[in-house]
PDB file of N, CA and C in Angstrom:
ATOM      1  N   UNK A   1     -64.646 159.860  14.359  1.00  0.00           N
ATOM      2  CA  UNK A   1     -65.499 159.427  15.435  1.00  0.00           C
ATOM      3  C   UNK A   1     -64.987 160.023  16.734  1.00  0.00           C
ATOM      4  N   UNK A   2     -65.906 160.445  17.554  1.00  0.00           N
ATOM      5  CA  UNK A   2     -65.489 160.969  18.842  1.00  0.00           C
ATOM      6  C   UNK A   2     -66.661 160.945  19.812  1.00  0.00           C
ATOM      7  N   UNK A   3     -66.346 161.238  21.063  1.00  0.00           N
ATOM      8  CA  UNK A   3     -67.384 161.301  22.075  1.00  0.00           C
ATOM      9  C   UNK A   3     -67.642 162.746  22.451  1.00  0.00           C
ATOM     10  N   UNK A   4     -68.808 162.981  23.010  1.00  0.00           N
ATOM     11  CA  UNK A   4     -69.143 164.273  23.590  1.00  0.00           C
ATOM     12  C   UNK A   4     -69.769 163.979  24.943  1.00  0.00           C
ATOM     13  N   UNK A   5     -69.331 164.710  25.947  1.00  0.00           N
ATOM     14  CA  UNK A   5     -69.846 164.530  27.292  1.00  0.00           C
ATOM     15  C   UNK A   5     -70.745 165.721  27.613  1.00  0.00           C
ATOM     16  N   UNK A   6     -71.981 165.436  27.951  1.00  0.00           N
ATOM     17  CA  UNK A   6     -72.938 166.474  28.335  1.00  0.00           C
ATOM     18  C   UNK A   6     -72.689 166.823  29.800  1.00  0.00           C
ATOM     19  N   UNK A   7     -72.034 167.934  30.030  1.00  0.00           N
ATOM     20  CA  UNK A   7     -71.675 168.319  31.403  1.00  0.00           C
ATOM     21  C   UNK A   7     -72.901 168.657  32.246  1.00  0.00           C
ATOM     22  N   UNK A   8     -73.982 169.066  31.608  1.00  0.00           N
ATOM     23  CA  UNK A   8     -75.195 169.379  32.366  1.00  0.00           C
ATOM     24  C   UNK A   8     -75.799 168.129  33.002  1.00  0.00           C
ATOM     25  N   UNK A   9     -75.718 167.002  32.310  1.00  0.00           N
ATOM     26  CA  UNK A   9     -76.298 165.774  32.868  1.00  0.00           C
ATOM     27  C   UNK A   9     -75.265 164.889  33.559  1.00  0.00           C
ATOM     28  N   UNK A  10     -73.982 165.217  33.420  1.00  0.00           N
ATOM     29  CA  UNK A  10     -72.916 164.452  34.087  1.00  0.00           C
ATOM     30  C   UNK A  10     -73.078 164.568  35.595  1.00  0.00           C
ATOM     31  N   UNK A  11     -72.982 163.427  36.295  1.00  0.00           N
ATOM     32  CA  UNK A  11     -73.130 163.436  37.750  1.00  0.00           C
ATOM     33  C   UNK A  11     -71.781 163.462  38.471  1.00  0.00           C
ATOM     34  N   UNK A  12     -70.688 163.468  37.715  1.00  0.00           N
ATOM     35  CA  UNK A  12     -69.358 163.602  38.303  1.00  0.00           C
ATOM     36  C   UNK A  12     -68.813 162.346  38.950  1.00  0.00           C
ATOM     37  N   UNK A  13     -69.317 161.181  38.571  1.00  0.00           N
ATOM     38  CA  UNK A  13     -68.830 159.930  39.174  1.00  0.00           C
ATOM     39  C   UNK A  13     -67.433 159.553  38.668  1.00  0.00           C
ATOM     40  N   UNK A  14     -67.073 160.044  37.484  1.00  0.00           N
ATOM     41  CA  UNK A  14     -65.776 159.835  36.840  1.00  0.00           C
ATOM     42  C   UNK A  14     -65.472 158.364  36.531  1.00  0.00           C
ATOM     43  N   UNK A  15     -66.512 157.548  36.421  1.00  0.00           N
ATOM     44  CA  UNK A  15     -66.307 156.165  35.983  1.00  0.00           C
ATOM     45  C   UNK A  15     -65.732 156.150  34.574  1.00  0.00           C
ATOM     46  N   UNK A  16     -66.137 157.111  33.769  1.00  0.00           N
ATOM     47  CA  UNK A  16     -65.635 157.216  32.396  1.00  0.00           C
ATOM     48  C   UNK A  16     -64.124 157.439  32.387  1.00  0.00           C
ATOM     49  N   UNK A  17     -63.673 158.285  33.283  1.00  0.00           N
ATOM     50  CA  UNK A  17     -62.241 158.591  33.359  1.00  0.00           C
ATOM     51  C   UNK A  17     -61.439 157.347  33.731  1.00  0.00           C
ATOM     52  N   UNK A  18     -61.978 156.546  34.631  1.00  0.00           N
ATOM     53  CA  UNK A  18     -61.241 155.376  35.094  1.00  0.00           C
ATOM     54  C   UNK A  18     -61.124 154.277  34.038  1.00  0.00           C
ATOM     55  N   UNK A  19     -62.011 154.269  33.035  1.00  0.00           N
ATOM     56  CA  UNK A  19     -61.952 153.207  32.021  1.00  0.00           C
ATOM     57  C   UNK A  19     -61.369 153.668  30.685  1.00  0.00           C
ATOM     58  N   UNK A  20     -61.108 154.946  30.527  1.00  0.00           N
ATOM     59  CA  UNK A  20     -60.583 155.456  29.254  1.00  0.00           C
ATOM     60  C   UNK A  20     -59.146 154.973  29.048  1.00  0.00           C
ATOM     61  N   UNK A  21     -58.899 154.135  28.028  1.00  0.00           N
ATOM     62  CA  UNK A  21     -57.552 153.619  27.828  1.00  0.00           C
ATOM     63  C   UNK A  21     -56.547 154.665  27.358  1.00  0.00           C
ATOM     64  N   UNK A  22     -57.054 155.787  26.843  1.00  0.00           N
ATOM     65  CA  UNK A  22     -56.159 156.839  26.365  1.00  0.00           C
ATOM     66  C   UNK A  22     -55.951 157.949  27.367  1.00  0.00           C
ATOM     67  N   UNK A  23     -56.540 157.823  28.547  1.00  0.00           N
ATOM     68  CA  UNK A  23     -56.464 158.873  29.579  1.00  0.00           C
ATOM     69  C   UNK A  23     -56.852 160.234  29.015  1.00  0.00           C
ATOM     70  N   UNK A  24     -57.951 160.267  28.266  1.00  0.00           N
ATOM     71  CA  UNK A  24     -58.385 161.488  27.591  1.00  0.00           C
ATOM     72  C   UNK A  24     -59.439 162.270  28.353  1.00  0.00           C
ATOM     73  N   UNK A  25     -59.985 161.696  29.421  1.00  0.00           N
ATOM     74  CA  UNK A  25     -61.078 162.334  30.147  1.00  0.00           C
ATOM     75  C   UNK A  25     -60.543 162.970  31.422  1.00  0.00           C
ATOM     76  N   UNK A  26     -60.979 164.208  31.647  1.00  0.00           N
ATOM     77  CA  UNK A  26     -60.524 165.000  32.786  1.00  0.00           C
ATOM     78  C   UNK A  26     -61.709 165.445  33.625  1.00  0.00           C
ATOM     79  N   UNK A  27     -61.414 166.083  34.757  1.00  0.00           N
ATOM     80  CA  UNK A  27     -62.440 166.597  35.654  1.00  0.00           C
ATOM     81  C   UNK A  27     -62.329 168.111  35.721  1.00  0.00           C
ATOM     82  N   UNK A  28     -63.467 168.809  35.546  1.00  0.00           N
ATOM     83  CA  UNK A  28     -63.427 170.271  35.621  1.00  0.00           C
ATOM     84  C   UNK A  28     -63.598 170.748  37.068  1.00  0.00           C
ATOM     85  N   UNK A  29     -63.672 172.048  37.263  1.00  0.00           N
ATOM     86  CA  UNK A  29     -63.762 172.638  38.606  1.00  0.00           C
ATOM     87  C   UNK A  29     -65.043 172.264  39.347  1.00  0.00           C
ATOM     88  N   UNK A  30     -66.079 171.903  38.598  1.00  0.00           N
ATOM     89  CA  UNK A  30     -67.344 171.510  39.210  1.00  0.00           C
ATOM     90  C   UNK A  30     -67.438 170.001  39.418  1.00  0.00           C
ATOM     91  N   UNK A  31     -66.359 169.282  39.118  1.00  0.00           N
ATOM     92  CA  UNK A  31     -66.337 167.832  39.297  1.00  0.00           C
ATOM     93  C   UNK A  31     -66.911 167.057  38.131  1.00  0.00           C
ATOM     94  N   UNK A  32     -67.208 167.746  37.046  1.00  0.00           N
ATOM     95  CA  UNK A  32     -67.792 167.107  35.863  1.00  0.00           C
ATOM     96  C   UNK A  32     -66.696 166.609  34.925  1.00  0.00           C
ATOM     97  N   UNK A  33     -67.032 165.559  34.182  1.00  0.00           N
ATOM     98  CA  UNK A  33     -66.085 164.987  33.232  1.00  0.00           C
ATOM     99  C   UNK A  33     -66.100 165.783  31.922  1.00  0.00           C
ATOM    100  N   UNK A  34     -64.951 165.834  31.279  1.00  0.00           N
ATOM    101  CA  UNK A  34     -64.869 166.408  29.931  1.00  0.00           C
ATOM    102  C   UNK A  34     -63.698 165.768  29.204  1.00  0.00           C
ATOM    103  N   UNK A  35     -63.779 165.787  27.874  1.00  0.00           N
ATOM    104  CA  UNK A  35     -62.679 165.286  27.051  1.00  0.00           C
ATOM    105  C   UNK A  35     -62.018 166.501  26.426  1.00  0.00           C
ATOM    106  N   UNK A  36     -60.732 166.599  26.628  1.00  0.00           N
ATOM    107  CA  UNK A  36     -59.993 167.784  26.199  1.00  0.00           C
ATOM    108  C   UNK A  36     -59.818 167.821  24.678  1.00  0.00           C
ATOM    109  N   UNK A  37     -59.428 166.697  24.100  1.00  0.00           N
ATOM    110  CA  UNK A  37     -59.172 166.635  22.659  1.00  0.00           C
ATOM    111  C   UNK A  37     -60.035 165.530  22.057  1.00  0.00           C
ATOM    112  N   UNK A  38     -61.244 165.902  21.639  1.00  0.00           N
ATOM    113  CA  UNK A  38     -62.206 164.923  21.137  1.00  0.00           C
ATOM    114  C   UNK A  38     -61.676 164.119  19.961  1.00  0.00           C
ATOM    115  N   UNK A  39     -60.857 164.717  19.134  1.00  0.00           N
ATOM    116  CA  UNK A  39     -60.330 164.010  17.960  1.00  0.00           C
ATOM    117  C   UNK A  39     -59.338 162.917  18.323  1.00  0.00           C
ATOM    118  N   UNK A  40     -58.838 162.921  19.552  1.00  0.00           N
ATOM    119  CA  UNK A  40     -57.911 161.878  19.991  1.00  0.00           C
ATOM    120  C   UNK A  40     -58.630 160.618  20.463  1.00  0.00           C
ATOM    121  N   UNK A  41     -59.953 160.665  20.554  1.00  0.00           N
ATOM    122  CA  UNK A  41     -60.740 159.517  21.017  1.00  0.00           C
ATOM    123  C   UNK A  41     -60.526 158.328  20.080  1.00  0.00           C
ATOM    124  N   UNK A  42     -60.266 157.167  20.669  1.00  0.00           N
ATOM    125  CA  UNK A  42     -60.006 155.953  19.895  1.00  0.00           C
ATOM    126  C   UNK A  42     -61.286 155.285  19.419  1.00  0.00           C
ATOM    127  N   UNK A  43     -62.413 155.637  20.018  1.00  0.00           N
ATOM    128  CA  UNK A  43     -63.679 155.036  19.628  1.00  0.00           C
ATOM    129  C   UNK A  43     -63.950 153.690  20.272  1.00  0.00           C
ATOM    130  N   UNK A  44     -63.351 153.423  21.402  1.00  0.00           N
ATOM    131  CA  UNK A  44     -63.517 152.109  22.046  1.00  0.00           C
ATOM    132  C   UNK A  44     -64.870 151.972  22.736  1.00  0.00           C
ATOM    133  N   UNK A  45     -65.538 153.054  23.028  1.00  0.00           N
ATOM    134  CA  UNK A  45     -66.840 153.146  23.714  1.00  0.00           C
ATOM    135  C   UNK A  45     -66.825 152.675  25.166  1.00  0.00           C
ATOM    136  N   UNK A  46     -65.658 152.494  25.777  1.00  0.00           N
ATOM    137  CA  UNK A  46     -65.599 152.073  27.178  1.00  0.00           C
ATOM    138  C   UNK A  46     -66.303 153.087  28.075  1.00  0.00           C
ATOM    139  N   UNK A  47     -66.090 154.357  27.838  1.00  0.00           N
ATOM    140  CA  UNK A  47     -66.708 155.390  28.664  1.00  0.00           C
ATOM    141  C   UNK A  47     -68.222 155.435  28.458  1.00  0.00           C
ATOM    142  N   UNK A  48     -68.649 155.209  27.216  1.00  0.00           N
ATOM    143  CA  UNK A  48     -70.077 155.224  26.896  1.00  0.00           C
ATOM    144  C   UNK A  48     -70.789 154.117  27.673  1.00  0.00           C
ATOM    145  N   UNK A  49     -70.175 152.935  27.705  1.00  0.00           N
ATOM    146  CA  UNK A  49     -70.757 151.796  28.429  1.00  0.00           C
ATOM    147  C   UNK A  49     -70.753 152.025  29.931  1.00  0.00           C
ATOM    148  N   UNK A  50     -69.769 152.748  30.445  1.00  0.00           N
ATOM    149  CA  UNK A  50     -69.612 152.903  31.896  1.00  0.00           C
ATOM    150  C   UNK A  50     -70.472 154.015  32.478  1.00  0.00           C
ATOM    151  N   UNK A  51     -70.834 154.991  31.682  1.00  0.00           N
ATOM    152  CA  UNK A  51     -71.594 156.140  32.190  1.00  0.00           C
ATOM    153  C   UNK A  51     -72.968 155.701  32.694  1.00  0.00           C
ATOM    154  N   UNK A  52     -73.252 155.914  33.986  1.00  0.00           N
ATOM    155  CA  UNK A  52     -74.530 155.474  34.542  1.00  0.00           C
ATOM    156  C   UNK A  52     -75.696 156.396  34.192  1.00  0.00           C
ATOM    157  N   UNK A  53     -75.396 157.528  33.570  1.00  0.00           N
ATOM    158  CA  UNK A  53     -76.428 158.530  33.329  1.00  0.00           C
ATOM    159  C   UNK A  53     -76.705 158.782  31.850  1.00  0.00           C
ATOM    160  N   UNK A  54     -76.005 158.090  30.962  1.00  0.00           N
ATOM    161  CA  UNK A  54     -76.187 158.313  29.529  1.00  0.00           C
ATOM    162  C   UNK A  54     -75.702 159.680  29.084  1.00  0.00           C
ATOM    163  N   UNK A  55     -74.756 160.246  29.813  1.00  0.00           N
ATOM    164  CA  UNK A  55     -74.265 161.589  29.520  1.00  0.00           C
ATOM    165  C   UNK A  55     -73.205 161.633  28.433  1.00  0.00           C
ATOM    166  N   UNK A  56     -72.747 160.468  28.003  1.00  0.00           N
ATOM    167  CA  UNK A  56     -71.706 160.418  26.975  1.00  0.00           C
ATOM    168  C   UNK A  56     -72.297 159.869  25.693  1.00  0.00           C
ATOM    169  N   UNK A  57     -72.116 160.605  24.631  1.00  0.00           N
ATOM    170  CA  UNK A  57     -72.600 160.180  23.319  1.00  0.00           C
ATOM    171  C   UNK A  57     -71.402 159.963  22.402  1.00  0.00           C
ATOM    172  N   UNK A  58     -71.480 158.886  21.647  1.00  0.00           N
ATOM    173  CA  UNK A  58     -70.436 158.524  20.704  1.00  0.00           C
ATOM    174  C   UNK A  58     -70.948 158.859  19.314  1.00  0.00           C
ATOM    175  N   UNK A  59     -70.297 159.794  18.651  1.00  0.00           N
ATOM    176  CA  UNK A  59     -70.726 160.236  17.328  1.00  0.00           C
ATOM    177  C   UNK A  59     -70.026 159.423  16.251  1.00  0.00           C
ATOM    178  N   UNK A  60     -70.831 158.878  15.353  1.00  0.00           N
ATOM    179  CA  UNK A  60     -70.308 158.037  14.279  1.00  0.00           C
ATOM    180  C   UNK A  60     -69.802 158.917  13.146  1.00  0.00           C
ATOM    181  N   UNK A  61     -68.643 158.591  12.650  1.00  0.00           N
ATOM    182  CA  UNK A  61     -68.022 159.380  11.594  1.00  0.00           C
ATOM    183  C   UNK A  61     -68.740 159.237  10.264  1.00  0.00           C
ATOM    184  N   UNK A  62     -68.668 160.281   9.470  1.00  0.00           N
ATOM    185  CA  UNK A  62     -69.291 160.266   8.145  1.00  0.00           C
ATOM    186  C   UNK A  62     -68.685 159.185   7.255  1.00  0.00           C
ATOM    187  N   UNK A  63     -67.420 158.827   7.523  1.00  0.00           N
ATOM    188  CA  UNK A  63     -66.751 157.822   6.711  1.00  0.00           C
ATOM    189  C   UNK A  63     -67.384 156.436   6.862  1.00  0.00           C
ATOM    190  N   UNK A  64     -68.156 156.228   7.926  1.00  0.00           N
ATOM    191  CA  UNK A  64     -68.861 154.953   8.081  1.00  0.00           C
ATOM    192  C   UNK A  64     -70.376 155.158   8.030  1.00  0.00           C
ATOM    193  N   UNK A  65     -70.786 156.250   7.415  1.00  0.00           N
ATOM    194  CA  UNK A  65     -72.207 156.518   7.224  1.00  0.00           C
ATOM    195  C   UNK A  65     -72.887 157.185   8.399  1.00  0.00           C
ATOM    196  N   UNK A  66     -72.109 157.798   9.286  1.00  0.00           N
ATOM    197  CA  UNK A  66     -72.677 158.406  10.486  1.00  0.00           C
ATOM    198  C   UNK A  66     -73.654 159.528  10.217  1.00  0.00           C
ATOM    199  N   UNK A  67     -73.235 160.500   9.413  1.00  0.00           N
ATOM    200  CA  UNK A  67     -74.083 161.630   9.035  1.00  0.00           C
ATOM    201  C   UNK A  67     -74.914 162.190  10.187  1.00  0.00           C
ATOM    202  N   UNK A  68     -74.271 162.471  11.298  1.00  0.00           N
ATOM    203  CA  UNK A  68     -74.962 163.036  12.448  1.00  0.00           C
ATOM    204  C   UNK A  68     -75.500 162.004  13.421  1.00  0.00           C
ATOM    205  N   UNK A  69     -75.263 160.738  13.158  1.00  0.00           N
ATOM    206  CA  UNK A  69     -75.740 159.681  14.052  1.00  0.00           C
ATOM    207  C   UNK A  69     -74.874 159.606  15.302  1.00  0.00           C
ATOM    208  N   UNK A  70     -75.498 159.212  16.395  1.00  0.00           N
ATOM    209  CA  UNK A  70     -74.743 159.018  17.625  1.00  0.00           C
ATOM    210  C   UNK A  70     -75.298 157.832  18.402  1.00  0.00           C
ATOM    211  N   UNK A  71     -74.504 157.388  19.337  1.00  0.00           N
ATOM    212  CA  UNK A  71     -74.809 156.218  20.137  1.00  0.00           C
ATOM    213  C   UNK A  71     -74.653 156.574  21.600  1.00  0.00           C
ATOM    214  N   UNK A  72     -75.586 156.109  22.420  1.00  0.00           N
ATOM    215  CA  UNK A  72     -75.432 156.227  23.873  1.00  0.00           C
ATOM    216  C   UNK A  72     -75.993 154.976  24.508  1.00  0.00           C
ATOM    217  N   UNK A  73     -75.677 154.757  25.773  1.00  0.00           N
ATOM    218  CA  UNK A  73     -76.048 153.526  26.454  1.00  0.00           C
ATOM    219  C   UNK A  73     -76.839 153.845  27.719  1.00  0.00           C
ATOM    220  N   UNK A  74     -77.869 153.061  27.942  1.00  0.00           N
ATOM    221  CA  UNK A  74     -78.561 153.092  29.232  1.00  0.00           C
ATOM    222  C   UNK A  74     -78.495 151.686  29.808  1.00  0.00           C
ATOM    223  N   UNK A  75     -78.666 151.588  31.113  1.00  0.00           N
ATOM    224  CA  UNK A  75     -78.517 150.299  31.781  1.00  0.00           C
ATOM    225  C   UNK A  75     -79.802 149.917  32.491  1.00  0.00           C
ATOM    226  N   UNK A  76     -80.069 148.618  32.510  1.00  0.00           N
ATOM    227  CA  UNK A  76     -81.214 148.081  33.222  1.00  0.00           C
ATOM    228  C   UNK A  76     -80.768 146.760  33.823  1.00  0.00           C
ATOM    229  N   UNK A  77     -80.347 146.813  35.071  1.00  0.00           N
ATOM    230  CA  UNK A  77     -79.814 145.655  35.785  1.00  0.00           C
ATOM    231  C   UNK A  77     -78.662 145.031  35.014  1.00  0.00           C
ATOM    232  N   UNK A  78     -78.846 143.844  34.484  1.00  0.00           N
ATOM    233  CA  UNK A  78     -77.750 143.156  33.789  1.00  0.00           C
ATOM    234  C   UNK A  78     -77.784 143.370  32.278  1.00  0.00           C
ATOM    235  N   UNK A  79     -78.571 144.316  31.807  1.00  0.00           N
ATOM    236  CA  UNK A  79     -78.690 144.587  30.375  1.00  0.00           C
ATOM    237  C   UNK A  79     -78.126 145.956  30.031  1.00  0.00           C
ATOM    238  N   UNK A  80     -77.473 146.022  28.891  1.00  0.00           N
ATOM    239  CA  UNK A  80     -77.060 147.304  28.314  1.00  0.00           C
ATOM    240  C   UNK A  80     -77.984 147.585  27.145  1.00  0.00           C
ATOM    241  N   UNK A  81     -78.542 148.768  27.105  1.00  0.00           N
ATOM    242  CA  UNK A  81     -79.379 149.176  25.984  1.00  0.00           C
ATOM    243  C   UNK A  81     -78.591 150.185  25.163  1.00  0.00           C
ATOM    244  N   UNK A  82     -78.198 149.784  23.969  1.00  0.00           N
ATOM    245  CA  UNK A  82     -77.448 150.632  23.055  1.00  0.00           C
ATOM    246  C   UNK A  82     -78.474 151.379  22.196  1.00  0.00           C
ATOM    247  N   UNK A  83     -78.487 152.695  22.312  1.00  0.00           N
ATOM    248  CA  UNK A  83     -79.431 153.522  21.575  1.00  0.00           C
ATOM    249  C   UNK A  83     -78.681 154.183  20.419  1.00  0.00           C
ATOM    250  N   UNK A  84     -79.065 153.838  19.221  1.00  0.00           N
ATOM    251  CA  UNK A  84     -78.474 154.432  18.027  1.00  0.00           C
ATOM    252  C   UNK A  84     -79.494 155.407  17.450  1.00  0.00           C
ATOM    253  N   UNK A  85     -79.120 156.689  17.403  1.00  0.00           N
ATOM    254  CA  UNK A  85     -80.007 157.729  16.904  1.00  0.00           C
ATOM    255  C   UNK A  85     -79.408 158.241  15.597  1.00  0.00           C
ATOM    256  N   UNK A  86     -80.174 158.117  14.514  1.00  0.00           N
ATOM    257  CA  UNK A  86     -79.632 158.567  13.234  1.00  0.00           C
ATOM    258  C   UNK A  86     -79.853 160.064  13.039  1.00  0.00           C
ATOM    259  N   UNK A  87     -79.396 160.586  11.929  1.00  0.00           N
ATOM    260  CA  UNK A  87     -79.469 162.021  11.658  1.00  0.00           C
ATOM    261  C   UNK A  87     -80.879 162.569  11.617  1.00  0.00           C
ATOM    262  N   UNK A  88     -81.876 161.706  11.390  1.00  0.00           N
ATOM    263  CA  UNK A  88     -83.277 162.114  11.361  1.00  0.00           C
ATOM    264  C   UNK A  88     -83.963 161.909  12.713  1.00  0.00           C
ATOM    265  N   UNK A  89     -83.182 161.649  13.764  1.00  0.00           N
ATOM    266  CA  UNK A  89     -83.679 161.388  15.123  1.00  0.00           C
ATOM    267  C   UNK A  89     -84.523 160.126  15.240  1.00  0.00           C
ATOM    268  N   UNK A  90     -84.310 159.173  14.349  1.00  0.00           N
ATOM    269  CA  UNK A  90     -84.953 157.871  14.469  1.00  0.00           C
ATOM    270  C   UNK A  90     -84.037 156.990  15.314  1.00  0.00           C
ATOM    271  N   UNK A  91     -84.592 156.419  16.375  1.00  0.00           N
ATOM    272  CA  UNK A  91     -83.784 155.658  17.323  1.00  0.00           C
ATOM    273  C   UNK A  91     -84.010 154.160  17.174  1.00  0.00           C
ATOM    274  N   UNK A  92     -82.911 153.429  17.174  1.00  0.00           N
ATOM    275  CA  UNK A  92     -82.925 151.973  17.188  1.00  0.00           C
ATOM    276  C   UNK A  92     -82.231 151.535  18.467  1.00  0.00           C
ATOM    277  N   UNK A  93     -82.814 150.569  19.172  1.00  0.00           N
ATOM    278  CA  UNK A  93     -82.230 150.099  20.424  1.00  0.00           C
ATOM    279  C   UNK A  93     -81.816 148.644  20.293  1.00  0.00           C
ATOM    280  N   UNK A  94     -80.609 148.362  20.723  1.00  0.00           N
ATOM    281  CA  UNK A  94     -80.076 146.996  20.735  1.00  0.00           C
ATOM    282  C   UNK A  94     -79.781 146.653  22.180  1.00  0.00           C
ATOM    283  N   UNK A  95     -80.288 145.526  22.651  1.00  0.00           N
ATOM    284  CA  UNK A  95     -80.093 145.125  24.049  1.00  0.00           C
ATOM    285  C   UNK A  95     -79.090 143.986  24.112  1.00  0.00           C
ATOM    286  N   UNK A  96     -78.075 144.153  24.974  1.00  0.00           N
ATOM    287  CA  UNK A  96     -77.071 143.105  25.161  1.00  0.00           C
ATOM    288  C   UNK A  96     -76.958 142.775  26.639  1.00  0.00           C
ATOM    289  N   UNK A  97     -76.484 141.587  26.921  1.00  0.00           N
ATOM    290  CA  UNK A  97     -76.234 141.174  28.289  1.00  0.00           C
ATOM    291  C   UNK A  97     -74.973 141.886  28.776  1.00  0.00           C
ATOM    292  N   UNK A  98     -75.080 142.598  29.870  1.00  0.00           N
ATOM    293  CA  UNK A  98     -73.960 143.406  30.375  1.00  0.00           C
ATOM    294  C   UNK A  98     -72.743 142.562  30.710  1.00  0.00           C
ATOM    295  N   UNK A  99     -72.952 141.372  31.218  1.00  0.00           N
ATOM    296  CA  UNK A  99     -71.852 140.506  31.603  1.00  0.00           C
ATOM    297  C   UNK A  99     -71.079 139.985  30.402  1.00  0.00           C
ATOM    298  N   UNK A 100     -71.704 140.030  29.233  1.00  0.00           N
ATOM    299  CA  UNK A 100     -71.052 139.515  28.029  1.00  0.00           C
ATOM    300  C   UNK A 100     -70.816 140.606  26.997  1.00  0.00           C
ATOM    301  N   UNK A 101     -70.903 141.878  27.422  1.00  0.00           N
ATOM    302  CA  UNK A 101     -70.814 142.970  26.457  1.00  0.00           C
ATOM    303  C   UNK A 101     -69.431 143.146  25.848  1.00  0.00           C
ATOM    304  N   UNK A 102     -68.402 142.584  26.440  1.00  0.00           N
ATOM    305  CA  UNK A 102     -67.062 142.715  25.881  1.00  0.00           C
ATOM    306  C   UNK A 102     -66.613 141.469  25.122  1.00  0.00           C
ATOM    307  N   UNK A 103     -67.506 140.515  24.961  1.00  0.00           N
ATOM    308  CA  UNK A 103     -67.166 139.314  24.168  1.00  0.00           C
ATOM    309  C   UNK A 103     -67.296 139.631  22.698  1.00  0.00           C
ATOM    310  N   UNK A 104     -66.387 139.085  21.926  1.00  0.00           N
ATOM    311  CA  UNK A 104     -66.423 139.301  20.472  1.00  0.00           C
ATOM    312  C   UNK A 104     -66.563 138.000  19.776  1.00  0.00           C
TER     313      UNK A 104
END
C-alpha cells in the first residue's frame, strides 16, 4: 500500500507534510508535495484526509484485494467524503463526520 501525490493538482499547501508521521513527504522546487520513497508509506491516510484538493491517492495493496483500487478524500464543511475507486473505475463514496473521523 502506498500513496501517490498528483503534482499537477497539488496546490503546495504542504498540509500533508505536516501530518505525515513518518516524515516521508517533501517539497519540490515548485513548492509541490512529493513522497520520495512510496514503499515506506505506513498507510495511515493522514495526508489523504488533510489534502484540501484531493491530490493524494492511497492505493490499496493486492494483498487486501486492491487490484488497482485507490482511495481519495474530498471535504464538504464538516464531512469527509471517502471515494473508493476500484480497478474497473466504479466509485463508492462513504461519508463520515470530519470531527469524528479519527475515532475507532
